[in-house]
Amino acid sequence: MSHLLDNDDVLLLTTTGTGKTDTFIRTIHDIRYLTENHPSAPEGKK
């Protein structure tokens, strides 16, 4: 899951820098953070 989010993040950062994109990137960062730090996440800890 985190690997896929990382790939999406790279694609977004290389495209437009609009407010909508910035918000979406921030949302992905939040999701990644919650996923990696949630105790019951299947791939939470590396």
C-alpha atoms as a PDB file:
ATOM      1  CA  MET A   1       0.000   0.000   0.000  1.00  0.00           C
ATOM      2  CA  SER A   2       2.701   2.470   0.972  1.00  0.00           C
ATOM      3  CA  HIS A   3       4.689   1.605  -2.160  1.00  0.00           C
ATOM      4  CA  LEU A   4       1.704   2.402  -4.387  1.00  0.00           C
ATOM      5  CA  LEU A   5       1.120   5.695  -2.582  1.00  0.00           C
ATOM      6  CA  ASP A   6       4.773   6.599  -3.060  1.00  0.00           C
ATOM      7  CA  ASN A   7       4.463   6.009  -6.817  1.00  0.00           C
ATOM      8  CA  ASP A   8       1.315   8.149  -7.012  1.00  0.00           C
ATOM      9  CA  ASP A   9       3.052  10.838  -4.983  1.00  0.00           C
ATOM     10  CA  VAL A  10       5.958  10.988  -7.441  1.00  0.00           C
ATOM     11  CA  LEU A  11       3.582  11.223 -10.406  1.00  0.00           C
ATOM     12  CA  LEU A  12       1.617  14.039  -8.782  1.00  0.00           C
ATOM     13  CA  LEU A  13       4.741  15.979  -7.868  1.00  0.00           C
ATOM     14  CA  THR A  14       5.971  15.833 -11.467  1.00  0.00           C
ATOM     15  CA  THR A  15       2.678  17.150 -12.906  1.00  0.00           C
ATOM     16  CA  THR A  16       0.858  20.376 -12.062  1.00  0.00           C
ATOM     17  CA  GLY A  17       1.242  22.246  -8.785  1.00  0.00           C
ATOM     18  CA  THR A  18      -2.358  23.384  -8.478  1.00  0.00           C
ATOM     19  CA  GLY A  19      -4.120  23.846  -5.149  1.00  0.00           C
ATOM     20  CA  LYS A  20      -6.206  20.742  -5.788  1.00  0.00           C
ATOM     21  CA  THR A  21      -3.071  18.667  -6.430  1.00  0.00           C
ATOM     22  CA  ASP A  22      -1.371  20.059  -3.318  1.00  0.00           C
ATOM     23  CA  THR A  23      -4.409  19.149  -1.236  1.00  0.00           C
ATOM     24  CA  PHE A  24      -4.492  15.657  -2.738  1.00  0.00           C
ATOM     25  CA  ILE A  25      -0.786  15.147  -1.998  1.00  0.00           C
ATOM     26  CA  ARG A  26      -1.361  16.275   1.586  1.00  0.00           C
ATOM     27  CA  THR A  27      -4.254  13.821   1.846  1.00  0.00           C
ATOM     28  CA  ILE A  28      -2.032  10.993   0.571  1.00  0.00           C
ATOM     29  CA  HIS A  29       0.625  11.943   3.121  1.00  0.00           C
ATOM     30  CA  ASP A  30      -1.993  11.818   5.882  1.00  0.00           C
ATOM     31  CA  ILE A  31      -3.273   8.437   4.680  1.00  0.00           C
ATOM     32  CA  ARG A  32       0.276   7.081   4.472  1.00  0.00           C
ATOM     33  CA  TYR A  33       1.036   8.361   7.978  1.00  0.00           C
ATOM     34  CA  LEU A  34      -2.133   6.825   9.421  1.00  0.00           C
ATOM     35  CA  THR A  35      -1.537   3.552   7.576  1.00  0.00           C
ATOM     36  CA  GLU A  36       2.063   3.240   8.740  1.00  0.00           C
ATOM     37  CA  ASN A  37       1.245   4.155  12.335  1.00  0.00           C
ATOM     38  CA  HIS A  38      -2.033   2.291  12.778  1.00  0.00           C
ATOM     39  CA  PRO A  39      -1.493  -0.743  15.039  1.00  0.00           C
ATOM     40  CA  SER A  40      -3.797  -3.002  13.000  1.00  0.00           C
ATOM     41  CA  ALA A  41      -2.519  -1.976   9.557  1.00  0.00           C
ATOM     42  CA  PRO A  42      -1.329  -5.086   7.646  1.00  0.00           C
ATOM     43  CA  GLU A  43       1.770  -3.324   6.323  1.00  0.00           C
ATOM     44  CA  GLY A  44       1.992  -0.755   9.085  1.00  0.00           C
ATOM     45  CA  LYS A  45       5.577  -1.292  10.187  1.00  0.00           C
ATOM     46  CA  LYS A  46       8.551  -1.905   7.930  1.00  0.00           C
END
